[in-house]
Amino acid sequence: MEGYKLKVALSNGKKGVFDVSPYLDKGVFQELKDQGYFRQIKVAFGGVMWPHEQDFSPETIEVELREPPIDKAV
């Protein structure tokens, strides 16, 4: 996905896009602005995590989850 968006499929069957960009100016999340570092994401404990322990819980992801954009045929 483009920018700081993650395509997510949760264990409860919900799917969508989680946008990390609203968090990038907050404390430890500023390091995620580096795209190389951002791509080091791993699934951990039902959420997501980066090497320096920035993380989002599955609950946060579910609350912020947005419907994926619909592809429009031209």
Protein backbone atom coordinates (compact mmCIF):
# COMPACT_ATOMS: atom_id res chain seq x y z
CA MET A 1 0.00 0.00 0.00
CA GLU A 2 1.05 3.59 -0.49
CA GLY A 3 2.41 5.83 2.22
CA TYR A 4 1.88 4.65 5.77
CA LYS A 5 -1.17 2.48 5.20
CA LEU A 6 -1.39 -1.20 6.03
CA LYS A 7 -3.74 -3.69 4.42
CA VAL A 8 -5.10 -5.71 7.36
CA ALA A 9 -7.09 -8.92 7.79
CA LEU A 10 -8.10 -9.54 11.39
CA SER A 11 -8.73 -12.94 12.97
CA ASN A 12 -12.42 -12.02 13.40
CA GLY A 13 -12.79 -11.76 9.62
CA LYS A 14 -12.74 -7.96 9.36
CA LYS A 15 -10.56 -6.55 6.57
CA GLY A 16 -9.54 -3.05 5.71
CA VAL A 17 -6.84 -0.41 5.77
CA PHE A 18 -5.10 0.89 8.90
CA ASP A 19 -3.51 4.30 8.35
CA VAL A 20 -0.48 4.87 10.58
CA SER A 21 0.12 8.46 9.39
CA PRO A 22 -1.95 10.18 12.16
CA TYR A 23 0.53 8.76 14.71
CA LEU A 24 3.79 9.74 12.96
CA ASP A 25 4.28 13.03 14.84
CA LYS A 26 3.79 11.43 18.25
CA GLY A 27 6.75 10.36 20.39
CA VAL A 28 8.24 6.97 19.55
CA PHE A 29 6.22 6.71 16.32
CA GLN A 30 8.27 9.47 14.64
CA GLU A 31 10.86 6.86 13.65
CA LEU A 32 8.22 5.23 11.43
CA LYS A 33 8.50 8.19 9.02
CA ASP A 34 11.59 6.44 7.59
CA GLN A 35 10.06 4.20 4.90
CA GLY A 36 12.92 1.69 5.17
CA TYR A 37 12.25 1.30 8.87
CA PHE A 38 8.46 1.31 8.37
CA ARG A 39 8.79 -1.72 6.07
CA GLN A 40 10.37 -3.72 8.92
CA ILE A 41 6.90 -4.29 10.38
CA LYS A 42 6.07 -7.68 11.92
CA VAL A 43 2.88 -9.26 13.22
CA ALA A 44 3.08 -9.70 17.00
CA PHE A 45 0.49 -10.65 19.61
CA GLY A 46 -2.37 -10.07 17.17
CA GLY A 47 -1.19 -6.54 16.36
CA VAL A 48 1.83 -5.10 14.57
CA MET A 49 5.28 -4.17 15.82
CA TRP A 50 8.58 -2.67 14.65
CA PRO A 51 12.14 -3.50 15.84
CA HIS A 52 12.36 -0.65 18.37
CA GLU A 53 9.09 -1.81 19.95
CA GLN A 54 6.68 0.68 18.43
CA ASP A 55 3.42 -1.23 18.23
CA PHE A 56 -0.31 -1.10 17.64
CA SER A 57 -2.63 -3.48 19.46
CA PRO A 58 -5.29 -5.43 17.59
CA GLU A 59 -7.90 -3.34 19.42
CA THR A 60 -6.43 -0.05 18.14
CA ILE A 61 -6.20 -1.43 14.62
CA GLU A 62 -9.83 -2.60 14.68
CA VAL A 63 -11.12 0.77 15.93
CA GLU A 64 -9.17 2.67 13.26
CA LEU A 65 -9.77 0.17 10.43
CA ARG A 66 -11.24 1.71 7.25
CA GLU A 67 -12.84 0.02 4.27
CA PRO A 68 -10.36 -0.54 1.45
CA PRO A 69 -10.83 1.73 -1.56
CA ILE A 70 -13.00 0.28 -4.31
CA ASP A 71 -11.25 -0.17 -7.65
CA LYS A 72 -13.14 1.79 -10.26
CA ALA A 73 -13.12 0.49 -13.81
CA VAL A 74 -12.70 3.24 -16.36
